[in-house]
Amino acid sequence: PRSGTSSASRSNCRYERTAQTTTGEVTEPTDRNPTRKPQALGGNRGKNGERVPRRPHAIPSPRWDRVTAIDVVDGRGEPSKVLKTAKARYQSRADDYDAVWLLLDVDQHAKLTPVLRETRHENFSAAVSNPCFEVWLLWHFEDWTREGSSSEIQHAARRHGLGKSIPPAFPYTKHPEAKRRASRTPVDVNEIGRNPSSALPSLLESILRNSPGGAYSQPS
């Protein structure tokens, strides 16, 4: 979800919106019009070869759930630039979003405190990781309890194949373990916790509230 070589450039602003969709495969018309049920596929053939729709009992009834559609945008810079990007995106498409999240690292950013103050004023939410985002990823694999620098935590994360991007085999289903480990040093949204800490569990809870069955898996 992030790219770049520095922790600052990897900071993201995340836009959350709630949408209606069906479980399983979703067709384009369903995406554009949530009130239109997907068309049944296939069917039988009549005497002259024409397609005859399946009988009603043979057409599965779609189940409608609330899911969370997420747009991820690279903030490309230190925290104040991430906030500026978020504000510009939201102001141009406010009706499209229910919430705006900023993912920020502490690192050595002197401007983080005033950015968080403005984030609260904008009614946005910032999930701050101290010292860096990789500590949340690392907690999916192991306990990391001691204070450490970004370089130390990133080095530990590389032992699990975590580099500039999240690998396809990342264990997303281990988020309860990561959340349990994060709970040892809890931190609220729009706050800076002690090292190590991360408010990513708050973002995860926001996503799961609107996902079918609390599902959390690899993004498509």
N, C-alpha and C. Protein backbone atom coordinates (compact mmCIF):
# COMPACT_ATOMS: atom_id res chain seq x y z
N PRO A 1 0.80 -1.22 0.00
CA PRO A 1 0.00 0.00 0.00
C PRO A 1 0.83 1.26 0.00
N ARG A 2 2.16 1.13 0.17
CA ARG A 2 2.99 2.32 0.18
C ARG A 2 4.16 2.09 -0.73
N SER A 3 4.78 3.17 -1.17
CA SER A 3 5.94 3.04 -2.00
C SER A 3 6.90 4.16 -1.68
N GLY A 4 8.16 4.02 -2.12
CA GLY A 4 9.14 5.04 -1.85
C GLY A 4 10.27 4.50 -1.02
N THR A 5 11.26 5.33 -0.77
CA THR A 5 12.43 4.87 -0.04
C THR A 5 12.51 5.42 1.37
N SER A 6 11.80 6.49 1.66
CA SER A 6 11.84 7.05 3.00
C SER A 6 10.50 6.86 3.68
N SER A 7 10.53 6.89 5.00
CA SER A 7 9.28 6.72 5.75
C SER A 7 8.32 7.85 5.45
N ALA A 8 8.86 9.06 5.20
CA ALA A 8 7.97 10.19 4.92
C ALA A 8 7.22 9.97 3.62
N SER A 9 7.92 9.52 2.59
CA SER A 9 7.26 9.36 1.31
C SER A 9 6.29 8.20 1.31
N ARG A 10 6.39 7.32 2.31
CA ARG A 10 5.50 6.17 2.34
C ARG A 10 4.21 6.49 3.09
N SER A 11 4.12 7.68 3.70
CA SER A 11 2.89 8.03 4.40
C SER A 11 1.75 8.14 3.41
N ASN A 12 0.59 7.64 3.80
CA ASN A 12 -0.57 7.63 2.91
C ASN A 12 -1.74 8.35 3.53
N CYS A 13 -2.63 8.83 2.67
CA CYS A 13 -3.93 9.26 3.14
C CYS A 13 -4.93 8.24 2.61
N ARG A 14 -5.80 7.79 3.47
CA ARG A 14 -6.73 6.72 3.11
C ARG A 14 -8.15 7.25 3.19
N TYR A 15 -8.94 7.02 2.14
CA TYR A 15 -10.30 7.52 2.08
C TYR A 15 -11.25 6.34 2.18
N GLU A 16 -12.16 6.41 3.10
CA GLU A 16 -13.08 5.31 3.33
C GLU A 16 -14.49 5.68 2.88
N ARG A 17 -15.15 4.78 2.21
CA ARG A 17 -16.53 5.02 1.81
C ARG A 17 -17.30 3.71 1.93
N THR A 18 -18.55 3.79 2.31
CA THR A 18 -19.37 2.61 2.49
C THR A 18 -20.24 2.41 1.26
N ALA A 19 -20.30 1.18 0.78
CA ALA A 19 -21.07 0.88 -0.43
C ALA A 19 -21.84 -0.41 -0.24
N GLN A 20 -22.83 -0.62 -1.11
CA GLN A 20 -23.59 -1.86 -1.11
C GLN A 20 -23.08 -2.73 -2.25
N THR A 21 -22.94 -4.00 -1.99
CA THR A 21 -22.53 -4.93 -3.04
C THR A 21 -22.99 -6.33 -2.66
N THR A 22 -22.81 -7.28 -3.58
CA THR A 22 -23.17 -8.65 -3.26
C THR A 22 -21.93 -9.41 -2.84
N THR A 23 -22.13 -10.48 -2.10
CA THR A 23 -21.00 -11.34 -1.80
C THR A 23 -20.66 -12.12 -3.05
N GLY A 24 -19.40 -12.50 -3.18
CA GLY A 24 -18.98 -13.24 -4.37
C GLY A 24 -18.69 -12.29 -5.51
N GLU A 25 -18.82 -12.77 -6.73
CA GLU A 25 -18.49 -11.98 -7.91
C GLU A 25 -19.48 -10.84 -8.10
N VAL A 26 -18.96 -9.67 -8.43
CA VAL A 26 -19.78 -8.50 -8.62
C VAL A 26 -19.65 -8.06 -10.07
N THR A 27 -20.75 -7.87 -10.76
CA THR A 27 -20.71 -7.41 -12.14
C THR A 27 -20.68 -5.89 -12.15
N GLU A 28 -20.24 -5.31 -13.26
CA GLU A 28 -20.15 -3.86 -13.33
C GLU A 28 -21.48 -3.16 -13.11
N PRO A 29 -22.61 -3.65 -13.71
CA PRO A 29 -23.88 -2.97 -13.45
C PRO A 29 -24.24 -2.95 -11.98
N THR A 30 -23.87 -4.01 -11.23
CA THR A 30 -24.16 -4.05 -9.80
C THR A 30 -23.36 -3.00 -9.07
N ASP A 31 -22.08 -2.80 -9.50
CA ASP A 31 -21.26 -1.78 -8.87
C ASP A 31 -21.86 -0.39 -9.05
N ARG A 32 -22.37 -0.13 -10.26
CA ARG A 32 -22.87 1.19 -10.56
C ARG A 32 -24.28 1.42 -10.01
N ASN A 33 -25.05 0.37 -9.84
CA ASN A 33 -26.41 0.50 -9.36
C ASN A 33 -26.68 -0.56 -8.30
N PRO A 34 -26.44 -0.25 -7.02
CA PRO A 34 -26.59 -1.25 -5.97
C PRO A 34 -27.99 -1.84 -5.85
N THR A 35 -29.02 -1.17 -6.40
CA THR A 35 -30.38 -1.69 -6.28
C THR A 35 -30.70 -2.70 -7.37
N ARG A 36 -29.83 -2.87 -8.33
CA ARG A 36 -30.07 -3.81 -9.42
C ARG A 36 -29.39 -5.13 -9.12
N LYS A 37 -30.17 -6.19 -9.06
CA LYS A 37 -29.60 -7.49 -8.76
C LYS A 37 -28.85 -8.03 -9.97
N PRO A 38 -27.77 -8.78 -9.73
CA PRO A 38 -27.03 -9.33 -10.86
C PRO A 38 -27.86 -10.32 -11.65
N GLN A 39 -27.61 -10.37 -12.94
CA GLN A 39 -28.35 -11.28 -13.81
C GLN A 39 -27.84 -12.70 -13.63
N ALA A 40 -28.77 -13.67 -13.70
CA ALA A 40 -28.37 -15.08 -13.63
C ALA A 40 -27.61 -15.45 -14.89
N LEU A 41 -26.59 -16.26 -14.73
CA LEU A 41 -25.78 -16.69 -15.87
C LEU A 41 -26.25 -18.05 -16.36
N GLY A 42 -26.03 -18.29 -17.65
CA GLY A 42 -26.35 -19.61 -18.19
C GLY A 42 -27.84 -19.77 -18.41
N GLY A 43 -28.35 -20.99 -18.30
CA GLY A 43 -29.76 -21.28 -18.56
C GLY A 43 -29.89 -22.49 -19.46
N ASN A 44 -31.12 -22.90 -19.70
CA ASN A 44 -31.36 -24.05 -20.55
C ASN A 44 -31.68 -23.61 -21.98
N ARG A 45 -31.72 -24.56 -22.89
CA ARG A 45 -32.05 -24.29 -24.28
C ARG A 45 -33.44 -24.83 -24.62
N GLY A 46 -34.20 -24.05 -25.42
CA GLY A 46 -35.51 -24.50 -25.87
C GLY A 46 -35.39 -25.42 -27.08
N LYS A 47 -36.55 -25.80 -27.65
CA LYS A 47 -36.55 -26.73 -28.78
C LYS A 47 -35.84 -26.16 -29.98
N ASN A 48 -35.91 -24.83 -30.17
CA ASN A 48 -35.29 -24.20 -31.33
C ASN A 48 -33.92 -23.61 -31.01
N GLY A 49 -33.38 -24.00 -29.89
CA GLY A 49 -32.05 -23.54 -29.53
C GLY A 49 -32.01 -22.23 -28.77
N GLU A 50 -33.18 -21.60 -28.57
CA GLU A 50 -33.19 -20.33 -27.86
C GLU A 50 -32.89 -20.56 -26.39
N ARG A 51 -32.29 -19.53 -25.76
CA ARG A 51 -31.96 -19.65 -24.34
C ARG A 51 -33.20 -19.45 -23.49
N VAL A 52 -33.43 -20.35 -22.57
CA VAL A 52 -34.57 -20.27 -21.66
C VAL A 52 -34.03 -20.00 -20.26
N PRO A 53 -34.51 -18.96 -19.59
CA PRO A 53 -33.99 -18.68 -18.25
C PRO A 53 -34.20 -19.85 -17.31
N ARG A 54 -33.29 -19.96 -16.37
CA ARG A 54 -33.44 -21.00 -15.36
C ARG A 54 -34.71 -20.75 -14.57
N ARG A 55 -35.25 -21.81 -13.99
CA ARG A 55 -36.40 -21.67 -13.11
C ARG A 55 -35.98 -20.91 -11.87
N PRO A 56 -36.95 -20.20 -11.26
CA PRO A 56 -36.60 -19.38 -10.10
C PRO A 56 -35.84 -20.13 -9.02
N HIS A 57 -36.22 -21.40 -8.77
CA HIS A 57 -35.56 -22.11 -7.68
C HIS A 57 -34.11 -22.43 -8.01
N ALA A 58 -33.73 -22.33 -9.30
CA ALA A 58 -32.36 -22.63 -9.69
C ALA A 58 -31.47 -21.41 -9.68
N ILE A 59 -32.06 -20.20 -9.47
CA ILE A 59 -31.28 -18.98 -9.45
C ILE A 59 -30.95 -18.64 -8.00
N PRO A 60 -29.67 -18.61 -7.65
CA PRO A 60 -29.32 -18.31 -6.26
C PRO A 60 -29.73 -16.90 -5.90
N SER A 61 -30.26 -16.74 -4.73
CA SER A 61 -30.67 -15.43 -4.26
C SER A 61 -29.46 -14.70 -3.70
N PRO A 62 -29.10 -13.54 -4.28
CA PRO A 62 -27.91 -12.84 -3.80
C PRO A 62 -28.13 -12.30 -2.39
N ARG A 63 -27.06 -12.31 -1.61
CA ARG A 63 -27.12 -11.75 -0.26
C ARG A 63 -26.39 -10.41 -0.27
N TRP A 64 -27.04 -9.40 0.24
CA TRP A 64 -26.49 -8.06 0.19
C TRP A 64 -25.86 -7.73 1.54
N ASP A 65 -24.66 -7.21 1.49
CA ASP A 65 -23.95 -6.85 2.71
C ASP A 65 -23.35 -5.46 2.56
N ARG A 66 -23.04 -4.87 3.69
CA ARG A 66 -22.30 -3.62 3.68
C ARG A 66 -20.82 -3.94 3.68
N VAL A 67 -20.10 -3.31 2.78
CA VAL A 67 -18.66 -3.47 2.73
C VAL A 67 -18.02 -2.09 2.71
N THR A 68 -16.74 -2.04 2.94
CA THR A 68 -16.02 -0.78 2.95
C THR A 68 -15.15 -0.69 1.72
N ALA A 69 -15.47 0.23 0.84
CA ALA A 69 -14.62 0.49 -0.33
C ALA A 69 -13.59 1.53 0.06
N ILE A 70 -12.34 1.29 -0.29
CA ILE A 70 -11.25 2.15 0.15
C ILE A 70 -10.44 2.65 -1.03
N ASP A 71 -10.20 3.93 -1.07
CA ASP A 71 -9.26 4.52 -2.02
C ASP A 71 -7.98 4.83 -1.26
N VAL A 72 -6.85 4.40 -1.78
CA VAL A 72 -5.57 4.67 -1.14
C VAL A 72 -4.77 5.60 -2.04
N VAL A 73 -4.32 6.72 -1.48
CA VAL A 73 -3.59 7.72 -2.25
C VAL A 73 -2.26 7.99 -1.57
N ASP A 74 -1.19 7.97 -2.33
CA ASP A 74 0.14 8.24 -1.80
C ASP A 74 0.25 9.71 -1.43
N GLY A 75 0.53 9.97 -0.15
CA GLY A 75 0.66 11.35 0.30
C GLY A 75 1.90 12.04 -0.20
N ARG A 76 2.94 11.27 -0.56
CA ARG A 76 4.16 11.80 -1.17
C ARG A 76 4.77 12.94 -0.37
N GLY A 77 5.14 12.68 0.87
CA GLY A 77 5.83 13.71 1.61
C GLY A 77 5.69 13.57 3.10
N GLU A 78 6.19 14.57 3.80
CA GLU A 78 6.10 14.56 5.26
C GLU A 78 4.65 14.86 5.66
N PRO A 79 4.31 14.72 6.94
CA PRO A 79 2.92 14.77 7.38
C PRO A 79 2.09 15.95 6.88
N SER A 80 2.65 17.15 6.84
CA SER A 80 1.87 18.31 6.40
C SER A 80 1.46 18.17 4.93
N LYS A 81 2.32 17.56 4.11
CA LYS A 81 1.98 17.35 2.71
C LYS A 81 0.92 16.26 2.56
N VAL A 82 0.98 15.26 3.45
CA VAL A 82 -0.04 14.21 3.43
C VAL A 82 -1.40 14.81 3.75
N LEU A 83 -1.44 15.67 4.75
CA LEU A 83 -2.69 16.33 5.12
C LEU A 83 -3.19 17.23 4.00
N LYS A 84 -2.29 17.95 3.36
CA LYS A 84 -2.68 18.82 2.24
C LYS A 84 -3.30 18.01 1.11
N THR A 85 -2.68 16.85 0.82
CA THR A 85 -3.22 15.97 -0.22
C THR A 85 -4.62 15.48 0.16
N ALA A 86 -4.79 15.10 1.43
CA ALA A 86 -6.08 14.60 1.90
C ALA A 86 -7.16 15.67 1.80
N LYS A 87 -6.83 16.88 2.20
CA LYS A 87 -7.80 17.97 2.16
C LYS A 87 -8.23 18.28 0.73
N ALA A 88 -7.26 18.32 -0.19
CA ALA A 88 -7.58 18.62 -1.58
C ALA A 88 -8.47 17.55 -2.18
N ARG A 89 -8.16 16.28 -1.88
CA ARG A 89 -8.96 15.19 -2.42
C ARG A 89 -10.37 15.22 -1.85
N TYR A 90 -10.48 15.45 -0.56
CA TYR A 90 -11.79 15.44 0.08
C TYR A 90 -12.64 16.61 -0.39
N GLN A 91 -12.04 17.79 -0.51
CA GLN A 91 -12.81 18.97 -0.93
C GLN A 91 -13.36 18.82 -2.34
N SER A 92 -12.65 18.06 -3.18
CA SER A 92 -13.11 17.89 -4.55
C SER A 92 -14.12 16.76 -4.69
N ARG A 93 -14.15 15.84 -3.69
CA ARG A 93 -15.03 14.67 -3.81
C ARG A 93 -15.66 14.34 -2.46
N ALA A 94 -16.10 15.36 -1.74
CA ALA A 94 -16.60 15.15 -0.38
C ALA A 94 -17.77 14.19 -0.31
N ASP A 95 -18.63 14.21 -1.32
CA ASP A 95 -19.82 13.36 -1.29
C ASP A 95 -19.48 11.88 -1.47
N ASP A 96 -18.26 11.59 -1.91
CA ASP A 96 -17.88 10.20 -2.17
C ASP A 96 -17.39 9.48 -0.92
N TYR A 97 -17.10 10.23 0.14
CA TYR A 97 -16.42 9.62 1.28
C TYR A 97 -17.18 9.82 2.59
N ASP A 98 -17.13 8.77 3.41
CA ASP A 98 -17.69 8.85 4.76
C ASP A 98 -16.62 9.21 5.78
N ALA A 99 -15.37 8.91 5.47
CA ALA A 99 -14.29 9.16 6.41
C ALA A 99 -12.98 9.30 5.65
N VAL A 100 -12.05 10.03 6.26
CA VAL A 100 -10.71 10.19 5.70
C VAL A 100 -9.70 9.80 6.77
N TRP A 101 -8.80 8.92 6.40
CA TRP A 101 -7.75 8.47 7.32
C TRP A 101 -6.38 8.81 6.75
N LEU A 102 -5.50 9.28 7.62
CA LEU A 102 -4.10 9.52 7.28
C LEU A 102 -3.25 8.49 8.00
N LEU A 103 -2.34 7.85 7.29
CA LEU A 103 -1.40 6.92 7.91
C LEU A 103 -0.06 7.62 8.01
N LEU A 104 0.38 7.86 9.22
CA LEU A 104 1.58 8.66 9.45
C LEU A 104 2.59 7.93 10.32
N ASP A 105 3.86 8.18 10.03
CA ASP A 105 4.95 7.68 10.86
C ASP A 105 5.46 8.81 11.74
N VAL A 106 5.99 8.46 12.91
CA VAL A 106 6.58 9.47 13.77
C VAL A 106 7.95 9.86 13.24
N ASP A 107 8.85 8.87 13.09
CA ASP A 107 10.21 9.12 12.62
C ASP A 107 10.78 10.35 13.32
N GLN A 108 11.25 11.30 12.52
CA GLN A 108 11.81 12.53 13.09
C GLN A 108 11.01 13.75 12.65
N HIS A 109 9.73 13.57 12.42
CA HIS A 109 8.92 14.66 11.87
C HIS A 109 8.56 15.69 12.96
N ALA A 110 9.17 16.85 12.88
CA ALA A 110 8.91 17.89 13.87
C ALA A 110 7.53 18.50 13.70
N LYS A 111 6.96 18.40 12.49
CA LYS A 111 5.67 19.03 12.22
C LYS A 111 4.48 18.13 12.52
N LEU A 112 4.71 16.97 13.10
CA LEU A 112 3.63 16.03 13.29
C LEU A 112 2.55 16.54 14.25
N THR A 113 2.96 17.16 15.35
CA THR A 113 1.99 17.64 16.35
C THR A 113 1.02 18.67 15.78
N PRO A 114 1.50 19.71 15.09
CA PRO A 114 0.53 20.66 14.50
C PRO A 114 -0.31 20.03 13.40
N VAL A 115 0.23 19.05 12.69
CA VAL A 115 -0.55 18.36 11.66
C VAL A 115 -1.71 17.60 12.30
N LEU A 116 -1.45 16.95 13.43
CA LEU A 116 -2.51 16.22 14.12
C LEU A 116 -3.57 17.17 14.65
N ARG A 117 -3.15 18.34 15.08
CA ARG A 117 -4.11 19.34 15.55
C ARG A 117 -5.04 19.75 14.41
N GLU A 118 -4.48 19.99 13.23
CA GLU A 118 -5.30 20.37 12.08
C GLU A 118 -6.14 19.20 11.59
N THR A 119 -5.61 17.99 11.71
CA THR A 119 -6.38 16.80 11.32
C THR A 119 -7.66 16.69 12.14
N ARG A 120 -7.56 16.93 13.43
CA ARG A 120 -8.75 16.93 14.29
C ARG A 120 -9.72 18.02 13.86
N HIS A 121 -9.19 19.20 13.53
CA HIS A 121 -10.04 20.31 13.12
C HIS A 121 -10.81 19.98 11.84
N GLU A 122 -10.21 19.20 10.95
CA GLU A 122 -10.84 18.82 9.69
C GLU A 122 -11.79 17.62 9.86
N ASN A 123 -11.86 17.08 11.08
CA ASN A 123 -12.64 15.87 11.34
C ASN A 123 -12.12 14.67 10.55
N PHE A 124 -10.82 14.66 10.29
CA PHE A 124 -10.15 13.50 9.71
C PHE A 124 -9.61 12.64 10.85
N SER A 125 -9.14 11.47 10.51
CA SER A 125 -8.55 10.56 11.50
C SER A 125 -7.14 10.20 11.05
N ALA A 126 -6.20 10.29 11.97
CA ALA A 126 -4.82 9.92 11.67
C ALA A 126 -4.43 8.72 12.51
N ALA A 127 -3.94 7.68 11.86
CA ALA A 127 -3.41 6.51 12.55
C ALA A 127 -1.89 6.63 12.54
N VAL A 128 -1.33 6.99 13.68
CA VAL A 128 0.10 7.25 13.78
C VAL A 128 0.82 6.01 14.30
N SER A 129 1.90 5.65 13.64
CA SER A 129 2.74 4.55 14.08
C SER A 129 4.07 5.11 14.58
N ASN A 130 4.51 4.63 15.72
CA ASN A 130 5.76 5.08 16.31
C ASN A 130 6.70 3.89 16.51
N PRO A 131 7.84 3.85 15.83
CA PRO A 131 8.37 4.93 15.01
C PRO A 131 7.91 4.91 13.55
N CYS A 132 7.40 3.75 13.08
CA CYS A 132 7.06 3.64 11.66
C CYS A 132 5.98 2.59 11.44
N PHE A 133 5.40 2.61 10.26
CA PHE A 133 4.31 1.72 9.88
C PHE A 133 4.70 0.25 9.97
N GLU A 134 5.97 -0.04 9.73
CA GLU A 134 6.41 -1.44 9.71
C GLU A 134 6.23 -2.16 11.04
N VAL A 135 6.11 -1.41 12.14
CA VAL A 135 5.90 -2.08 13.42
C VAL A 135 4.56 -2.80 13.43
N TRP A 136 3.54 -2.23 12.77
CA TRP A 136 2.24 -2.90 12.67
C TRP A 136 2.36 -4.17 11.83
N LEU A 137 3.09 -4.10 10.74
CA LEU A 137 3.28 -5.29 9.92
C LEU A 137 4.06 -6.35 10.69
N LEU A 138 5.08 -5.92 11.41
CA LEU A 138 5.91 -6.86 12.16
C LEU A 138 5.10 -7.61 13.21
N TRP A 139 4.12 -6.94 13.80
CA TRP A 139 3.29 -7.59 14.83
C TRP A 139 2.42 -8.71 14.27
N HIS A 140 2.31 -8.81 12.97
CA HIS A 140 1.61 -9.95 12.38
C HIS A 140 2.47 -11.22 12.44
N PHE A 141 3.76 -11.04 12.72
CA PHE A 141 4.70 -12.16 12.72
C PHE A 141 5.28 -12.46 14.10
N GLU A 142 5.57 -11.45 14.88
CA GLU A 142 6.31 -11.67 16.12
C GLU A 142 6.00 -10.57 17.13
N ASP A 143 6.40 -10.85 18.36
CA ASP A 143 6.32 -9.84 19.42
C ASP A 143 7.51 -8.89 19.27
N TRP A 144 7.22 -7.63 19.24
CA TRP A 144 8.27 -6.61 19.28
C TRP A 144 7.86 -5.64 20.36
N THR A 145 8.58 -5.65 21.46
CA THR A 145 8.16 -4.87 22.62
C THR A 145 9.14 -3.76 22.99
N ARG A 146 10.36 -3.85 22.52
CA ARG A 146 11.35 -2.85 22.94
C ARG A 146 11.33 -1.62 22.04
N GLU A 147 11.76 -0.51 22.60
CA GLU A 147 11.88 0.71 21.82
C GLU A 147 12.92 0.53 20.72
N GLY A 148 12.62 1.03 19.53
CA GLY A 148 13.56 0.86 18.43
C GLY A 148 13.42 1.97 17.42
N SER A 149 14.45 2.14 16.61
CA SER A 149 14.41 3.13 15.54
C SER A 149 13.69 2.55 14.34
N SER A 150 13.37 3.42 13.38
CA SER A 150 12.72 2.95 12.16
C SER A 150 13.59 1.94 11.44
N SER A 151 14.88 2.20 11.37
CA SER A 151 15.78 1.29 10.66
C SER A 151 15.85 -0.06 11.33
N GLU A 152 15.81 -0.09 12.66
CA GLU A 152 15.84 -1.37 13.38
C GLU A 152 14.59 -2.19 13.10
N ILE A 153 13.43 -1.54 13.13
CA ILE A 153 12.18 -2.24 12.91
C ILE A 153 12.05 -2.68 11.46
N GLN A 154 12.48 -1.84 10.55
CA GLN A 154 12.44 -2.21 9.13
C GLN A 154 13.37 -3.38 8.85
N HIS A 155 14.50 -3.42 9.54
CA HIS A 155 15.42 -4.55 9.38
C HIS A 155 14.76 -5.83 9.90
N ALA A 156 14.09 -5.74 11.04
CA ALA A 156 13.39 -6.91 11.58
C ALA A 156 12.28 -7.36 10.65
N ALA A 157 11.60 -6.40 10.03
CA ALA A 157 10.51 -6.74 9.12
C ALA A 157 11.03 -7.45 7.87
N ARG A 158 12.22 -7.09 7.44
CA ARG A 158 12.79 -7.75 6.25
C ARG A 158 13.06 -9.22 6.49
N ARG A 159 13.23 -9.61 7.72
CA ARG A 159 13.41 -11.04 8.01
C ARG A 159 12.18 -11.86 7.63
N HIS A 160 11.05 -11.18 7.55
CA HIS A 160 9.79 -11.85 7.18
C HIS A 160 9.38 -11.54 5.75
N GLY A 161 10.32 -11.05 4.96
CA GLY A 161 10.04 -10.79 3.55
C GLY A 161 9.33 -9.48 3.29
N LEU A 162 9.33 -8.57 4.27
CA LEU A 162 8.66 -7.29 4.11
C LEU A 162 9.67 -6.25 3.65
N GLY A 163 9.43 -5.69 2.48
CA GLY A 163 10.32 -4.67 1.94
C GLY A 163 9.56 -3.40 1.66
N LYS A 164 9.70 -2.89 0.43
CA LYS A 164 9.03 -1.64 0.06
C LYS A 164 7.54 -1.84 -0.19
N SER A 165 7.13 -3.08 -0.34
CA SER A 165 5.71 -3.36 -0.55
C SER A 165 5.34 -4.61 0.24
N ILE A 166 4.05 -4.80 0.48
CA ILE A 166 3.57 -5.96 1.20
C ILE A 166 3.48 -7.14 0.24
N PRO A 167 4.12 -8.27 0.56
CA PRO A 167 4.11 -9.41 -0.36
C PRO A 167 2.73 -10.06 -0.44
N PRO A 168 2.46 -10.77 -1.54
CA PRO A 168 1.15 -11.43 -1.70
C PRO A 168 0.84 -12.43 -0.58
N ALA A 169 1.89 -13.04 -0.01
CA ALA A 169 1.68 -14.05 1.02
C ALA A 169 1.56 -13.46 2.43
N PHE A 170 1.39 -12.16 2.53
CA PHE A 170 1.29 -11.54 3.85
C PHE A 170 0.12 -12.14 4.63
N PRO A 171 0.32 -12.48 5.91
CA PRO A 171 -0.73 -13.15 6.70
C PRO A 171 -1.77 -12.18 7.25
N TYR A 172 -2.63 -11.69 6.37
CA TYR A 172 -3.66 -10.74 6.78
C TYR A 172 -4.56 -11.30 7.87
N THR A 173 -4.78 -12.60 7.86
CA THR A 173 -5.70 -13.20 8.83
C THR A 173 -5.14 -13.19 10.25
N LYS A 174 -3.89 -12.82 10.40
CA LYS A 174 -3.29 -12.76 11.74
C LYS A 174 -3.48 -11.39 12.39
N HIS A 175 -4.39 -10.61 11.84
CA HIS A 175 -4.59 -9.28 12.42
C HIS A 175 -5.03 -9.32 13.88
N PRO A 176 -5.76 -10.35 14.36
CA PRO A 176 -6.07 -10.36 15.79
C PRO A 176 -4.81 -10.43 16.66
N GLU A 177 -3.80 -11.19 16.21
CA GLU A 177 -2.55 -11.27 16.96
C GLU A 177 -1.82 -9.93 16.94
N ALA A 178 -1.82 -9.28 15.77
CA ALA A 178 -1.18 -7.97 15.68
C ALA A 178 -1.88 -6.96 16.57
N LYS A 179 -3.21 -7.03 16.59
CA LYS A 179 -3.97 -6.11 17.43
C LYS A 179 -3.69 -6.37 18.91
N ARG A 180 -3.58 -7.64 19.29
CA ARG A 180 -3.28 -7.97 20.69
C ARG A 180 -1.91 -7.42 21.08
N ARG A 181 -0.94 -7.56 20.20
CA ARG A 181 0.39 -7.05 20.49
C ARG A 181 0.40 -5.53 20.56
N ALA A 182 -0.39 -4.89 19.69
CA ALA A 182 -0.47 -3.43 19.70
C ALA A 182 -1.13 -2.92 20.97
N SER A 183 -2.03 -3.72 21.54
CA SER A 183 -2.78 -3.28 22.73
C SER A 183 -1.88 -3.11 23.95
N ARG A 184 -0.67 -3.63 23.89
CA ARG A 184 0.25 -3.46 25.03
C ARG A 184 0.69 -2.02 25.19
N THR A 185 0.69 -1.29 24.09
CA THR A 185 1.03 0.13 24.12
C THR A 185 -0.06 0.90 23.37
N PRO A 186 -1.25 0.98 23.94
CA PRO A 186 -2.39 1.57 23.22
C PRO A 186 -2.19 3.04 22.91
N VAL A 187 -2.76 3.47 21.79
CA VAL A 187 -2.71 4.87 21.38
C VAL A 187 -4.00 5.19 20.64
N ASP A 188 -4.56 6.35 20.92
CA ASP A 188 -5.80 6.77 20.28
C ASP A 188 -5.54 7.37 18.90
N VAL A 189 -6.60 7.48 18.12
CA VAL A 189 -6.52 8.15 16.83
C VAL A 189 -6.12 9.61 17.05
N ASN A 190 -5.32 10.14 16.15
CA ASN A 190 -4.85 11.53 16.20
C ASN A 190 -3.96 11.80 17.40
N GLU A 191 -3.31 10.77 17.89
CA GLU A 191 -2.39 10.93 19.01
C GLU A 191 -1.06 10.23 18.68
N ILE A 192 -0.01 10.64 19.38
CA ILE A 192 1.30 10.01 19.23
C ILE A 192 1.54 9.15 20.45
N GLY A 193 1.68 7.85 20.26
CA GLY A 193 1.94 6.94 21.36
C GLY A 193 3.42 6.76 21.60
N ARG A 194 3.73 6.00 22.62
CA ARG A 194 5.14 5.75 22.90
C ARG A 194 5.69 4.71 21.94
N ASN A 195 6.97 4.61 21.90
CA ASN A 195 7.67 3.69 21.00
C ASN A 195 7.83 2.33 21.69
N PRO A 196 7.32 1.22 21.09
CA PRO A 196 6.60 1.12 19.83
C PRO A 196 5.08 1.17 20.04
N SER A 197 4.38 1.75 19.06
CA SER A 197 2.92 1.78 19.13
C SER A 197 2.37 2.07 17.73
N SER A 198 1.09 1.79 17.56
CA SER A 198 0.43 2.09 16.29
C SER A 198 -1.08 2.17 16.51
N ALA A 199 -1.70 3.14 15.85
CA ALA A 199 -3.16 3.28 15.91
C ALA A 199 -3.83 2.57 14.75
N LEU A 200 -3.09 1.74 14.02
CA LEU A 200 -3.70 0.99 12.91
C LEU A 200 -4.88 0.13 13.35
N PRO A 201 -4.90 -0.43 14.58
CA PRO A 201 -6.08 -1.18 14.99
C PRO A 201 -7.38 -0.37 14.91
N SER A 202 -7.31 0.92 15.14
CA SER A 202 -8.52 1.76 15.05
C SER A 202 -9.02 1.83 13.62
N LEU A 203 -8.10 1.95 12.67
CA LEU A 203 -8.50 1.94 11.26
C LEU A 203 -9.08 0.59 10.89
N LEU A 204 -8.45 -0.48 11.36
CA LEU A 204 -8.95 -1.82 11.07
C LEU A 204 -10.36 -2.01 11.61
N GLU A 205 -10.61 -1.55 12.83
CA GLU A 205 -11.95 -1.67 13.41
C GLU A 205 -12.98 -0.90 12.59
N SER A 206 -12.59 0.25 12.07
CA SER A 206 -13.50 1.04 11.23
C SER A 206 -13.85 0.27 9.96
N ILE A 207 -12.87 -0.41 9.38
CA ILE A 207 -13.12 -1.20 8.17
C ILE A 207 -14.01 -2.38 8.49
N LEU A 208 -13.72 -3.09 9.56
CA LEU A 208 -14.45 -4.31 9.88
C LEU A 208 -15.89 -4.04 10.25
N ARG A 209 -16.18 -2.87 10.78
CA ARG A 209 -17.57 -2.55 11.15
C ARG A 209 -18.49 -2.61 9.95
N ASN A 210 -17.96 -2.34 8.76
CA ASN A 210 -18.79 -2.30 7.56
C ASN A 210 -18.51 -3.44 6.61
N SER A 211 -17.74 -4.44 7.05
CA SER A 211 -17.40 -5.55 6.17
C SER A 211 -18.24 -6.77 6.54
N PRO A 212 -18.62 -7.59 5.55
CA PRO A 212 -19.45 -8.77 5.82
C PRO A 212 -18.74 -9.76 6.71
N GLY A 213 -19.35 -10.04 7.86
CA GLY A 213 -18.78 -11.03 8.76
C GLY A 213 -17.47 -10.62 9.37
N GLY A 214 -17.14 -9.32 9.32
CA GLY A 214 -15.86 -8.88 9.85
C GLY A 214 -14.70 -9.39 9.05
N ALA A 215 -14.89 -9.59 7.75
CA ALA A 215 -13.84 -10.16 6.92
C ALA A 215 -12.72 -9.16 6.71
N TYR A 216 -11.50 -9.68 6.73
CA TYR A 216 -10.32 -8.85 6.51
C TYR A 216 -9.32 -9.72 5.79
N SER A 217 -9.03 -9.41 4.54
CA SER A 217 -8.14 -10.27 3.77
C SER A 217 -7.31 -9.41 2.84
N GLN A 218 -6.54 -10.08 2.00
CA GLN A 218 -5.67 -9.39 1.09
C GLN A 218 -6.45 -8.47 0.17
N PRO A 219 -6.05 -7.19 0.05
CA PRO A 219 -6.75 -6.29 -0.87
C PRO A 219 -6.62 -6.78 -2.29
N SER A 220 -7.66 -6.54 -3.09
CA SER A 220 -7.61 -6.95 -4.49
C SER A 220 -6.96 -5.87 -5.32
